[in-house]
N, C-alpha and C. Protein backbone atom coordinates (compact mmCIF):
# COMPACT_ATOMS: atom_id res chain seq x y z
N MET A 1 1.06 -1.39 0.06
CA MET A 1 0.05 0.01 0.08
C MET A 1 1.32 1.10 -0.04
N ILE A 2 0.77 2.25 -0.72
CA ILE A 2 1.52 3.30 -0.90
C ILE A 2 0.38 4.48 -0.40
N THR A 3 0.70 4.89 1.05
CA THR A 3 0.41 5.78 1.31
C THR A 3 0.25 7.18 0.95
N PHE A 4 1.31 7.86 0.71
CA PHE A 4 1.28 8.98 0.01
C PHE A 4 2.62 9.21 -0.99
N VAL A 5 2.38 10.31 -1.96
CA VAL A 5 4.02 10.43 -2.58
C VAL A 5 4.35 12.01 -2.16
N ARG A 6 5.44 12.11 -2.23
CA ARG A 6 6.31 13.58 -2.21
C ARG A 6 7.06 13.89 -3.18
N GLY A 7 7.31 14.62 -4.12
CA GLY A 7 8.21 15.01 -4.93
C GLY A 7 7.81 16.00 -5.56
N THR A 8 8.69 16.34 -6.88
CA THR A 8 8.60 17.10 -7.92
C THR A 8 7.87 17.12 -9.10
N VAL A 9 6.79 17.72 -9.61
CA VAL A 9 5.88 17.37 -10.64
C VAL A 9 6.58 17.77 -11.96
N ILE A 10 6.62 16.92 -12.80
CA ILE A 10 7.38 16.62 -13.89
C ILE A 10 6.53 16.91 -15.39
N HIS A 11 5.10 16.76 -15.17
CA HIS A 11 4.19 16.64 -16.03
C HIS A 11 3.01 16.79 -15.38
N ALA A 12 2.05 17.80 -15.80
CA ALA A 12 0.48 17.75 -15.50
C ALA A 12 -0.16 18.21 -16.54
N GLN A 13 -1.43 17.20 -16.09
CA GLN A 13 -2.41 17.22 -17.10
C GLN A 13 -3.78 17.29 -16.08
N ALA A 14 -5.22 17.72 -16.69
CA ALA A 14 -6.28 17.82 -15.85
C ALA A 14 -6.77 16.45 -15.00
N ASP A 15 -6.18 15.25 -15.65
CA ASP A 15 -6.46 13.90 -15.16
C ASP A 15 -5.71 13.66 -14.50
N HIS A 16 -3.91 13.77 -14.33
CA HIS A 16 -3.22 13.05 -13.67
C HIS A 16 -1.97 13.99 -13.54
N LEU A 17 -1.01 13.33 -12.91
CA LEU A 17 0.38 14.14 -12.58
C LEU A 17 1.41 12.98 -12.77
N VAL A 18 2.45 13.38 -13.01
CA VAL A 18 4.02 12.58 -13.08
C VAL A 18 4.62 12.97 -12.14
N VAL A 19 4.96 12.47 -11.00
CA VAL A 19 5.58 12.82 -9.73
C VAL A 19 7.37 12.16 -9.68
N ASP A 20 8.06 12.82 -9.89
CA ASP A 20 9.49 12.54 -9.91
C ASP A 20 9.60 12.18 -8.20
N LEU A 21 9.84 10.78 -7.79
CA LEU A 21 10.47 10.72 -6.16
C LEU A 21 11.88 10.56 -6.29
N GLY A 22 12.53 10.99 -6.97
CA GLY A 22 13.86 10.98 -6.78
C GLY A 22 14.59 9.73 -7.69
N ALA A 23 14.46 8.32 -7.15
CA ALA A 23 14.79 7.32 -7.89
C ALA A 23 13.84 6.80 -8.67
N VAL A 24 12.80 7.32 -9.02
CA VAL A 24 11.57 6.93 -9.78
C VAL A 24 10.49 7.69 -9.90
N GLY A 25 9.73 7.64 -11.30
CA GLY A 25 8.61 8.65 -11.66
C GLY A 25 7.29 8.06 -11.66
N VAL A 26 6.19 8.45 -10.91
CA VAL A 26 5.11 7.86 -10.68
C VAL A 26 3.97 8.64 -11.54
N THR A 27 3.19 7.92 -12.03
CA THR A 27 1.70 8.36 -12.52
C THR A 27 0.66 8.48 -11.53
N VAL A 28 0.35 9.42 -11.43
CA VAL A 28 -0.87 9.60 -10.43
C VAL A 28 -2.15 9.99 -11.02
N LEU A 29 -3.29 9.28 -11.02
CA LEU A 29 -4.38 9.84 -11.45
C LEU A 29 -5.12 10.86 -10.17
N CYS A 30 -6.00 11.96 -10.85
CA CYS A 30 -6.33 12.72 -9.78
C CYS A 30 -7.42 13.66 -10.36
N THR A 31 -8.22 14.26 -9.34
CA THR A 31 -9.26 15.43 -10.18
C THR A 31 -8.47 16.43 -10.68
N PRO A 32 -9.53 17.08 -11.70
CA PRO A 32 -8.82 18.31 -12.32
C PRO A 32 -8.71 19.16 -11.39
N GLY A 33 -9.10 19.34 -10.33
CA GLY A 33 -9.12 20.42 -9.25
C GLY A 33 -7.62 20.28 -8.65
N THR A 34 -7.16 18.77 -8.72
CA THR A 34 -5.61 18.92 -8.33
C THR A 34 -4.71 19.14 -9.14
N GLY A 35 -5.03 18.25 -10.79
CA GLY A 35 -3.95 18.14 -11.61
C GLY A 35 -3.93 19.57 -12.44
N LEU A 36 -4.86 20.66 -12.37
CA LEU A 36 -4.91 21.96 -13.05
C LEU A 36 -4.12 23.09 -11.68
N SER A 37 -3.86 22.73 -10.96
CA SER A 37 -3.54 23.50 -9.80
C SER A 37 -1.85 23.44 -9.12
N VAL A 38 -1.02 22.80 -10.07
CA VAL A 38 -0.05 22.75 -9.84
C VAL A 38 1.00 22.92 -11.11
N ARG A 39 2.13 23.13 -11.26
CA ARG A 39 3.09 23.43 -12.15
C ARG A 39 4.06 22.74 -12.50
N HIS A 40 4.72 22.70 -13.63
CA HIS A 40 5.78 21.76 -13.42
C HIS A 40 6.77 22.10 -12.74
N GLY A 41 7.51 21.33 -12.27
CA GLY A 41 8.90 21.99 -11.10
C GLY A 41 8.33 22.24 -9.78
N GLU A 42 7.37 22.11 -9.60
CA GLU A 42 6.42 22.46 -8.07
C GLU A 42 6.50 21.33 -7.31
N HIS A 43 6.57 21.36 -6.05
CA HIS A 43 7.04 20.21 -5.25
C HIS A 43 5.60 19.98 -4.87
N VAL A 44 5.03 18.66 -4.85
CA VAL A 44 3.74 18.23 -4.33
C VAL A 44 3.88 17.12 -3.23
N GLU A 45 2.53 17.19 -2.67
CA GLU A 45 2.60 16.12 -1.47
C GLU A 45 1.02 15.41 -1.65
N LEU A 46 1.04 14.30 -1.87
CA LEU A 46 -0.44 13.69 -2.19
C LEU A 46 -0.99 12.67 -1.60
N MET A 47 -1.72 12.44 -0.54
CA MET A 47 -2.27 11.58 -0.15
C MET A 47 -2.94 10.02 -1.35
N THR A 48 -2.37 8.87 -1.02
CA THR A 48 -2.44 7.72 -2.50
C THR A 48 -3.47 6.89 -1.80
N THR A 49 -3.93 6.08 -3.27
CA THR A 49 -4.32 4.59 -2.59
C THR A 49 -4.41 4.23 -4.20
N MET A 50 -4.16 2.60 -3.77
CA MET A 50 -3.87 1.89 -5.28
C MET A 50 -4.62 0.71 -5.71
N VAL A 51 -5.57 1.05 -6.72
CA VAL A 51 -6.34 0.27 -7.24
C VAL A 51 -5.89 -0.88 -7.81
N VAL A 52 -6.16 -2.09 -7.59
CA VAL A 52 -5.29 -3.03 -8.51
C VAL A 52 -6.57 -3.88 -9.29
N ARG A 53 -6.11 -4.18 -10.34
CA ARG A 53 -7.00 -4.95 -11.47
C ARG A 53 -6.09 -6.17 -11.98
N GLU A 54 -6.92 -6.89 -12.59
CA GLU A 54 -6.09 -7.56 -13.48
C GLU A 54 -4.92 -7.44 -14.38
N ASP A 55 -5.71 -6.06 -14.98
CA ASP A 55 -4.76 -5.33 -16.36
C ASP A 55 -4.05 -4.24 -15.83
N GLY A 56 -3.88 -4.14 -14.52
CA GLY A 56 -2.95 -3.22 -14.15
C GLY A 56 -2.91 -2.84 -12.72
N TRP A 57 -2.01 -1.59 -12.21
CA TRP A 57 -2.17 -1.53 -10.84
C TRP A 57 -2.09 0.02 -11.09
N THR A 58 -3.58 0.96 -10.50
CA THR A 58 -3.37 2.39 -10.71
C THR A 58 -3.32 3.20 -9.22
N LEU A 59 -2.49 4.02 -9.60
CA LEU A 59 -2.18 4.86 -8.25
C LEU A 59 -3.08 6.46 -8.44
N TYR A 60 -4.02 6.49 -7.01
CA TYR A 60 -4.69 7.58 -7.06
C TYR A 60 -4.38 8.56 -6.06
N GLY A 61 -4.43 9.95 -6.74
CA GLY A 61 -3.76 11.08 -5.44
C GLY A 61 -4.72 11.75 -4.82
N PHE A 62 -4.89 12.22 -3.90
CA PHE A 62 -5.50 13.48 -3.52
C PHE A 62 -5.10 14.50 -2.46
N ILE A 63 -5.44 15.62 -2.45
CA ILE A 63 -5.16 16.88 -1.69
C ILE A 63 -5.00 16.41 -0.22
N ASP A 64 -5.69 15.78 0.48
CA ASP A 64 -5.70 15.34 1.53
C ASP A 64 -6.35 13.92 1.91
N ALA A 65 -6.41 13.71 3.28
CA ALA A 65 -6.81 12.20 3.80
C ALA A 65 -8.18 12.30 3.71
N ASP A 66 -9.07 13.09 3.70
CA ASP A 66 -10.23 13.55 3.71
C ASP A 66 -10.81 13.05 2.17
N GLU A 67 -10.38 13.45 1.34
CA GLU A 67 -10.77 13.09 -0.31
C GLU A 67 -10.14 11.45 -0.42
N ARG A 68 -9.24 11.23 0.10
CA ARG A 68 -9.09 9.72 -0.37
C ARG A 68 -9.79 8.99 0.56
N THR A 69 -10.47 9.15 1.67
CA THR A 69 -11.25 8.18 2.39
C THR A 69 -12.60 8.21 1.70
N VAL A 70 -13.30 9.57 1.32
CA VAL A 70 -14.24 9.71 0.53
C VAL A 70 -14.06 8.64 -0.49
N PHE A 71 -13.19 9.13 -1.20
CA PHE A 71 -13.10 8.19 -2.93
C PHE A 71 -12.86 6.70 -2.75
N GLU A 72 -12.59 6.15 -1.60
CA GLU A 72 -12.79 4.81 -1.25
C GLU A 72 -14.05 4.18 -0.68
N GLN A 73 -14.40 5.16 -0.18
CA GLN A 73 -16.06 4.88 0.79
C GLN A 73 -17.23 4.69 -0.65
N VAL A 74 -17.20 5.72 -1.43
CA VAL A 74 -18.24 5.98 -2.51
C VAL A 74 -18.16 4.42 -3.58
N GLN A 75 -16.82 3.67 -3.24
CA GLN A 75 -16.59 3.03 -4.27
C GLN A 75 -17.58 1.71 -3.56
N THR A 76 -17.96 1.77 -2.20
CA THR A 76 -18.71 0.49 -1.66
C THR A 76 -19.93 0.51 -2.14
N VAL A 77 -20.25 1.37 -3.21
CA VAL A 77 -21.78 1.78 -3.52
C VAL A 77 -21.99 0.97 -4.98
N SER A 78 -22.96 0.12 -4.87
CA SER A 78 -22.66 -0.85 -6.09
C SER A 78 -22.77 0.08 -7.70
N GLY A 79 -22.02 -0.39 -8.13
CA GLY A 79 -22.00 0.03 -9.83
C GLY A 79 -21.32 1.37 -9.58
N ILE A 80 -20.22 1.67 -8.69
CA ILE A 80 -19.33 2.82 -8.42
C ILE A 80 -17.84 2.31 -8.40
N GLY A 81 -17.28 2.63 -9.40
CA GLY A 81 -15.92 2.13 -9.48
C GLY A 81 -14.98 3.48 -9.70
N PRO A 82 -13.74 3.34 -9.68
CA PRO A 82 -12.73 4.63 -9.17
C PRO A 82 -12.72 5.94 -10.28
N ARG A 83 -13.13 5.32 -11.77
CA ARG A 83 -13.38 6.59 -12.30
C ARG A 83 -14.70 7.49 -12.32
N ILE A 84 -15.69 6.77 -11.63
CA ILE A 84 -16.87 7.84 -11.13
C ILE A 84 -16.60 8.17 -10.15
N ALA A 85 -15.73 7.34 -9.01
CA ALA A 85 -15.63 8.34 -7.74
C ALA A 85 -14.75 9.37 -7.67
N LEU A 86 -13.78 9.13 -8.78
CA LEU A 86 -12.86 10.40 -9.10
C LEU A 86 -13.62 11.55 -9.70
N ALA A 87 -14.98 11.35 -10.57
CA ALA A 87 -15.49 12.38 -11.29
C ALA A 87 -16.21 12.93 -10.05
N LEU A 88 -16.84 12.11 -8.95
CA LEU A 88 -17.34 12.86 -7.95
C LEU A 88 -16.75 13.85 -7.15
N LEU A 89 -15.59 13.35 -7.04
CA LEU A 89 -14.69 14.27 -6.31
C LEU A 89 -13.94 15.29 -7.00
N GLY A 90 -14.30 15.39 -8.59
CA GLY A 90 -13.90 16.36 -8.90
C GLY A 90 -14.89 17.27 -9.46
N THR A 91 -16.34 17.13 -9.19
CA THR A 91 -17.43 17.86 -8.94
C THR A 91 -17.90 18.35 -7.78
N LEU A 92 -17.68 17.66 -6.66
CA LEU A 92 -18.00 18.16 -5.45
C LEU A 92 -17.13 17.80 -4.63
N SER A 93 -16.82 18.53 -3.54
CA SER A 93 -15.76 18.69 -2.32
C SER A 93 -16.61 17.53 -1.31
N PRO A 94 -15.26 16.78 -0.47
CA PRO A 94 -16.14 15.98 0.44
C PRO A 94 -17.36 16.39 1.16
N ASP A 95 -17.33 17.66 1.81
CA ASP A 95 -18.16 17.83 2.57
C ASP A 95 -19.19 18.12 1.54
N GLU A 96 -19.26 18.92 0.21
CA GLU A 96 -20.18 18.98 -0.51
C GLU A 96 -21.20 17.75 -0.89
N LEU A 97 -20.59 16.62 -0.95
CA LEU A 97 -20.62 15.58 -1.20
C LEU A 97 -21.74 14.93 -0.04
N ARG A 98 -21.12 15.02 1.30
CA ARG A 98 -21.85 14.67 2.52
C ARG A 98 -23.21 15.34 2.46
N GLY A 99 -22.96 16.36 1.91
CA GLY A 99 -24.28 17.35 2.08
C GLY A 99 -25.59 16.86 1.22
N ALA A 100 -24.92 16.88 -0.31
CA ALA A 100 -26.26 15.81 -0.76
C ALA A 100 -26.38 14.80 -0.72
N VAL A 101 -25.66 13.91 0.04
CA VAL A 101 -26.16 12.91 0.53
C VAL A 101 -27.09 12.91 1.80
N ALA A 102 -26.44 13.82 2.55
CA ALA A 102 -27.59 13.95 3.87
C ALA A 102 -29.05 14.45 3.27
N ASN A 103 -29.28 15.45 2.31
CA ASN A 103 -29.97 16.22 2.04
C ASN A 103 -30.90 15.41 0.84
N ALA A 104 -30.30 14.34 0.47
CA ALA A 104 -30.76 13.51 -0.48
C ALA A 104 -31.40 14.38 -1.92
N ASP A 105 -29.97 15.07 -2.41
CA ASP A 105 -30.10 15.89 -3.30
C ASP A 105 -29.83 15.17 -4.66
N GLU A 106 -30.49 15.01 -5.28
CA GLU A 106 -30.11 14.13 -6.41
C GLU A 106 -29.71 15.01 -7.45
N SER A 107 -29.94 16.25 -7.54
CA SER A 107 -29.98 17.37 -8.71
C SER A 107 -28.44 17.37 -8.43
N ALA A 108 -28.03 17.55 -7.27
CA ALA A 108 -26.47 17.58 -7.36
C ALA A 108 -25.41 16.55 -7.58
N LEU A 109 -26.12 15.37 -7.32
CA LEU A 109 -25.47 14.24 -7.72
C LEU A 109 -25.24 13.94 -9.01
N THR A 110 -26.50 14.17 -9.55
CA THR A 110 -26.33 14.06 -11.07
C THR A 110 -26.02 14.80 -12.18
N ARG A 111 -25.16 15.95 -11.35
CA ARG A 111 -24.45 17.03 -12.33
C ARG A 111 -23.10 16.18 -12.41
N VAL A 112 -22.65 15.21 -11.99
CA VAL A 112 -21.71 14.30 -12.16
C VAL A 112 -21.84 13.47 -12.96
N PRO A 113 -20.62 13.75 -14.20
CA PRO A 113 -20.70 12.75 -15.50
C PRO A 113 -20.76 11.60 -14.78
N GLY A 114 -21.60 10.45 -15.45
CA GLY A 114 -21.99 9.56 -15.24
C GLY A 114 -22.53 8.72 -14.32
N ILE A 115 -23.15 9.77 -13.43
CA ILE A 115 -24.28 9.49 -12.31
C ILE A 115 -25.51 10.08 -13.07
N GLY A 116 -26.42 9.01 -13.02
CA GLY A 116 -28.03 9.38 -13.57
C GLY A 116 -28.80 9.41 -12.09
N ARG A 117 -30.09 9.23 -12.29
CA ARG A 117 -30.96 9.39 -11.52
C ARG A 117 -30.68 8.28 -10.58
N LYS A 118 -30.71 6.91 -11.16
CA LYS A 118 -30.85 5.99 -10.10
C LYS A 118 -29.50 5.76 -9.82
N GLY A 119 -28.29 6.17 -10.21
CA GLY A 119 -27.13 6.14 -9.35
C GLY A 119 -27.07 6.96 -8.47
N ALA A 120 -27.69 8.48 -8.68
CA ALA A 120 -28.11 9.28 -7.51
C ALA A 120 -28.61 8.88 -6.27
N GLN A 121 -29.42 7.99 -5.96
CA GLN A 121 -30.46 7.44 -5.35
C GLN A 121 -29.76 6.38 -4.42
N ARG A 122 -28.93 5.42 -5.35
CA ARG A 122 -28.20 4.42 -5.00
C ARG A 122 -27.25 4.94 -3.95
N LEU A 123 -26.37 6.17 -4.08
CA LEU A 123 -25.71 7.01 -3.47
C LEU A 123 -26.23 7.30 -2.43
N ILE A 124 -27.31 8.15 -2.74
CA ILE A 124 -27.77 8.67 -0.89
C ILE A 124 -28.49 7.56 -0.20
N LEU A 125 -29.05 6.33 -0.74
CA LEU A 125 -29.31 5.07 0.13
C LEU A 125 -28.01 4.47 0.99
N GLU A 126 -26.98 4.11 -0.06
CA GLU A 126 -26.10 3.36 0.59
C GLU A 126 -25.04 4.21 1.41
N LEU A 127 -25.00 5.49 0.97
CA LEU A 127 -23.85 6.17 1.79
C LEU A 127 -24.40 6.86 2.89
N ALA A 128 -25.38 6.57 3.48
CA ALA A 128 -26.42 7.53 4.37
C ALA A 128 -25.61 7.45 5.53
N ASP A 129 -25.03 6.02 6.08
CA ASP A 129 -24.64 6.02 7.16
C ASP A 129 -22.78 5.88 7.22
N ARG A 130 -22.32 6.20 6.15
CA ARG A 130 -20.83 5.98 6.04
C ARG A 130 -19.87 7.36 5.82
N LEU A 131 -20.85 8.27 5.21
CA LEU A 131 -19.83 9.27 4.97
C LEU A 131 -19.42 10.14 6.43
N GLY A 132 -20.48 10.04 7.05
CA GLY A 132 -20.27 10.99 8.41
C GLY A 132 -20.39 12.54 8.40
N PRO A 133 -20.58 12.93 9.37
CA PRO A 133 -20.52 14.61 9.38
C PRO A 133 -19.32 15.25 8.31
N SER A 134 -19.52 16.62 8.35
CA SER A 134 -18.67 17.44 7.55
C SER A 134 -17.38 17.42 8.78
N THR A 135 -16.33 17.37 8.09
CA THR A 135 -15.18 17.24 9.10
C THR A 135 -14.25 18.35 8.65
N THR A 136 -14.42 19.26 8.03
CA THR A 136 -13.63 20.42 7.46
C THR A 136 -14.26 21.75 7.22
N SER A 137 -13.72 23.07 7.44
CA SER A 137 -14.33 23.68 6.78
C SER A 137 -13.85 24.30 5.42
N PRO A 138 -14.22 25.03 4.57
CA PRO A 138 -13.46 25.65 3.63
C PRO A 138 -11.83 26.34 3.88
N ALA A 139 -12.27 27.02 5.23
CA ALA A 139 -10.75 27.74 5.83
C ALA A 139 -9.44 26.68 5.92
N GLU A 140 -10.11 25.48 6.37
CA GLU A 140 -9.10 24.60 7.04
C GLU A 140 -8.32 23.93 5.48
N ARG A 141 -9.03 23.95 4.45
CA ARG A 141 -8.73 22.94 3.45
C ARG A 141 -7.50 23.55 2.58
N PRO A 142 -6.42 22.75 2.10
CA PRO A 142 -4.93 23.82 1.39
C PRO A 142 -5.56 24.26 0.34
N ALA A 143 -4.95 25.51 0.09
CA ALA A 143 -4.89 26.61 -0.69
C ALA A 143 -4.29 25.58 -2.08
N SER A 144 -4.86 26.12 -3.11
CA SER A 144 -4.42 25.72 -4.66
C SER A 144 -3.11 26.56 -4.71
N THR A 145 -2.26 26.34 -5.78
CA THR A 145 -1.07 26.95 -6.17
C THR A 145 -0.77 26.83 -7.45
N GLY A 146 -1.90 26.96 -8.67
CA GLY A 146 -1.90 27.13 -9.83
C GLY A 146 -1.55 28.36 -10.16
N ALA A 147 -1.17 28.61 -11.42
CA ALA A 147 -0.61 30.14 -11.74
C ALA A 147 -1.73 30.80 -12.49
N ALA A 148 -2.14 32.32 -12.11
CA ALA A 148 -3.32 33.11 -12.78
C ALA A 148 -3.31 32.78 -14.01
N ALA A 149 -2.36 32.86 -14.87
CA ALA A 149 -2.33 32.86 -16.16
C ALA A 149 -2.84 31.84 -16.93
N GLY A 150 -3.84 31.86 -17.95
CA GLY A 150 -4.50 30.79 -18.89
C GLY A 150 -5.28 29.84 -17.64
N TRP A 151 -5.92 30.82 -16.76
CA TRP A 151 -7.31 29.96 -16.01
C TRP A 151 -8.14 29.32 -16.82
N GLN A 152 -8.69 30.07 -17.71
CA GLN A 152 -9.59 29.62 -18.44
C GLN A 152 -9.56 28.16 -19.45
N GLN A 153 -8.26 28.50 -19.98
CA GLN A 153 -7.69 27.12 -20.21
C GLN A 153 -8.05 25.83 -19.61
N ALA A 154 -7.56 26.52 -18.51
CA ALA A 154 -7.27 25.42 -17.29
C ALA A 154 -8.71 24.58 -16.90
N VAL A 155 -9.42 25.63 -16.65
CA VAL A 155 -10.84 25.16 -16.29
C VAL A 155 -11.41 24.63 -17.42
N ALA A 156 -11.61 24.66 -18.46
CA ALA A 156 -12.09 24.41 -19.53
C ALA A 156 -11.57 23.05 -19.68
N ALA A 157 -10.15 22.60 -19.54
CA ALA A 157 -9.82 21.56 -20.09
C ALA A 157 -10.37 20.43 -18.29
N GLY A 158 -10.48 21.00 -17.61
CA GLY A 158 -11.00 20.33 -16.76
C GLY A 158 -12.75 19.80 -16.51
N LEU A 159 -13.37 20.69 -17.19
CA LEU A 159 -14.74 20.44 -17.69
C LEU A 159 -14.91 19.10 -18.86
N MET A 160 -14.09 19.52 -19.57
CA MET A 160 -13.67 18.23 -20.90
C MET A 160 -13.35 17.01 -20.08
N SER A 161 -12.54 16.90 -19.22
CA SER A 161 -11.88 15.80 -18.35
C SER A 161 -13.29 14.89 -17.80
N LEU A 162 -14.08 15.54 -17.20
CA LEU A 162 -15.35 15.14 -16.61
C LEU A 162 -16.38 14.76 -17.53
N GLY A 163 -16.03 15.36 -18.99
CA GLY A 163 -17.13 14.59 -19.65
C GLY A 163 -17.96 15.79 -20.69
N TRP A 164 -17.94 16.61 -20.36
CA TRP A 164 -18.50 18.05 -20.92
C TRP A 164 -18.06 18.12 -22.47
N SER A 165 -18.53 18.39 -23.61
CA SER A 165 -17.89 19.08 -24.63
C SER A 165 -17.05 20.20 -24.80
N ALA A 166 -16.35 20.71 -25.68
CA ALA A 166 -15.20 21.58 -25.88
C ALA A 166 -16.21 23.00 -26.04
N ARG A 167 -17.79 23.09 -26.69
CA ARG A 167 -18.57 24.02 -26.80
C ARG A 167 -19.22 24.24 -25.15
N GLU A 168 -19.36 23.13 -24.68
CA GLU A 168 -20.05 23.30 -23.12
C GLU A 168 -19.22 23.61 -22.14
N ALA A 169 -17.79 23.46 -22.45
CA ALA A 169 -16.81 23.99 -21.33
C ALA A 169 -16.46 25.41 -21.70
N ASP A 170 -16.71 25.83 -22.95
CA ASP A 170 -16.35 27.31 -23.40
C ASP A 170 -17.97 28.34 -22.61
N ALA A 171 -18.69 27.61 -22.60
CA ALA A 171 -19.50 28.44 -22.18
C ALA A 171 -19.82 28.31 -20.48
N GLY A 172 -19.28 27.28 -20.06
CA GLY A 172 -19.03 27.28 -18.52
C GLY A 172 -17.89 28.36 -18.04
N VAL A 173 -16.89 28.56 -18.94
CA VAL A 173 -16.02 28.96 -18.42
C VAL A 173 -16.40 30.62 -18.33
N GLY A 174 -17.23 30.86 -19.56
CA GLY A 174 -17.85 32.18 -19.61
C GLY A 174 -19.07 32.55 -18.44
N GLY A 175 -19.49 31.59 -18.08
CA GLY A 175 -20.51 31.61 -17.28
C GLY A 175 -20.25 32.08 -15.62
N ILE A 176 -18.56 31.74 -15.34
CA ILE A 176 -18.01 31.97 -14.21
C ILE A 176 -18.38 33.24 -13.76
N ASP A 177 -18.74 33.74 -12.57
CA ASP A 177 -18.96 35.28 -11.86
C ASP A 177 -17.77 35.86 -11.68
N PRO A 178 -17.88 36.84 -12.61
CA PRO A 178 -16.75 38.14 -12.64
C PRO A 178 -15.87 38.15 -11.95
N ALA A 179 -16.83 38.55 -10.59
CA ALA A 179 -15.38 38.70 -9.21
C ALA A 179 -15.01 37.61 -9.01
N LEU A 180 -15.40 36.60 -9.24
CA LEU A 180 -14.70 35.44 -8.70
C LEU A 180 -13.43 35.16 -10.00
N ALA A 181 -13.83 35.59 -11.22
CA ALA A 181 -12.92 35.65 -12.44
C ALA A 181 -11.62 36.56 -12.17
N GLY A 182 -12.19 37.45 -11.51
CA GLY A 182 -11.66 38.70 -11.48
C GLY A 182 -9.98 38.21 -10.42
N GLN A 183 -10.49 37.64 -9.60
CA GLN A 183 -9.51 37.45 -8.20
C GLN A 183 -8.31 36.39 -8.97
N ALA A 184 -8.77 35.63 -10.16
CA ALA A 184 -7.58 34.83 -10.69
C ALA A 184 -7.24 35.17 -11.99
N THR A 185 -7.47 36.77 -12.44
CA THR A 185 -6.46 37.24 -13.00
C THR A 185 -5.56 38.43 -12.34
N GLU A 186 -5.68 38.62 -11.17
CA GLU A 186 -5.26 39.75 -10.67
C GLU A 186 -3.44 39.64 -10.83
N ALA A 187 -2.70 40.63 -11.14
CA ALA A 187 -1.19 40.38 -11.20
C ALA A 187 -0.67 39.53 -9.93
N GLY A 188 -0.22 38.74 -10.33
CA GLY A 188 0.73 38.18 -9.41
C GLY A 188 0.27 37.00 -7.90
N SER A 189 -1.45 36.98 -8.46
CA SER A 189 -1.83 36.21 -7.83
C SER A 189 -2.64 34.90 -8.24
N ALA A 190 -2.29 33.54 -7.43
CA ALA A 190 -3.09 32.26 -8.13
C ALA A 190 -4.32 31.77 -8.12
N ALA A 191 -4.40 31.62 -9.27
CA ALA A 191 -5.74 30.81 -9.30
C ALA A 191 -6.33 29.48 -8.62
N ASP A 192 -7.47 29.91 -7.96
CA ASP A 192 -7.76 28.96 -7.49
C ASP A 192 -9.05 28.11 -8.12
N ILE A 193 -8.06 27.25 -8.99
CA ILE A 193 -8.60 26.08 -10.18
C ILE A 193 -9.69 25.41 -9.54
N GLY A 194 -9.80 24.55 -8.82
CA GLY A 194 -10.75 23.97 -7.97
C GLY A 194 -11.94 24.91 -7.85
N ALA A 195 -11.87 26.11 -7.43
CA ALA A 195 -13.11 27.06 -6.94
C ALA A 195 -13.61 27.46 -8.32
N LEU A 196 -12.68 27.82 -8.89
CA LEU A 196 -13.35 27.98 -10.50
C LEU A 196 -14.45 26.79 -11.40
N LEU A 197 -13.35 25.73 -11.36
CA LEU A 197 -14.31 24.67 -11.68
C LEU A 197 -15.59 24.25 -11.11
N LYS A 198 -15.65 24.58 -9.97
CA LYS A 198 -16.71 24.19 -9.11
C LYS A 198 -17.94 25.21 -9.69
N ALA A 199 -17.10 26.90 -9.74
CA ALA A 199 -18.52 27.75 -10.06
C ALA A 199 -18.67 27.33 -11.18
N ALA A 200 -18.16 26.74 -12.15
CA ALA A 200 -18.64 26.70 -13.70
C ALA A 200 -19.52 25.54 -13.93
N LEU A 201 -19.00 24.60 -12.85
CA LEU A 201 -20.33 23.41 -13.04
C LEU A 201 -21.42 23.80 -12.34
N ARG A 202 -21.36 24.82 -11.13
CA ARG A 202 -22.90 25.33 -10.51
C ARG A 202 -23.47 26.04 -11.91
N GLY A 203 -22.68 27.02 -12.59
CA GLY A 203 -23.38 27.78 -13.43
C GLY A 203 -23.98 26.82 -14.72
N MET A 204 -23.37 25.75 -14.98
CA MET A 204 -23.93 25.16 -16.02
C MET A 204 -25.43 24.01 -15.53
N ASP A 205 -25.44 23.65 -14.43
CA ASP A 205 -26.17 23.03 -13.43
C ASP A 205 -27.40 23.95 -13.82
N ARG A 206 -27.15 25.28 -13.09
CA ARG A 206 -28.31 26.30 -13.30
C ARG A 206 -29.20 26.27 -14.94
N SER A 207 -28.28 26.32 -15.48
CA SER A 207 -28.58 26.31 -17.09
C SER A 207 -29.32 25.25 -17.78
């Protein structure tokens, strides 16, 4: 069991990172919010879990232990595998997922690519006693470190990695609150790609 990886990012995409651990480089699958929040050459530490299948071993990385725990818990639901579990965390934070399950909010869950109404109902039914209460506040969660430049392309890439078309992704980026977008374009500031991605998803859900 590989509990965490710590090293230098040598390649970053919306859905994965390649991390140089010194003597070896590993590919870590991740959410768009994580993959797009770091740059080449940056140091990163990710909590990880490994999924072993007949066709290979796949390492998944998360910004903290809570994300990893939720990733593992949602896979106990019938019909939910690692791909959809990662999409859930790419769309909803752990606390947002807990809230959606606690409030039986099917609309929030069906916003996740790959989750239909029946899947949302299964998640609500089977996770009701497993996820537990909220464990962190937004202020306690680690900040993103992505660069401000090119945040529109980063968010669009994240949306497409979650299953939206290029046209839908462009529309989602255009629908982000200008005030939030402005924070990402201030000179010298870092874009919170995860927050921008979730803002785009909320806007697309309303439309």
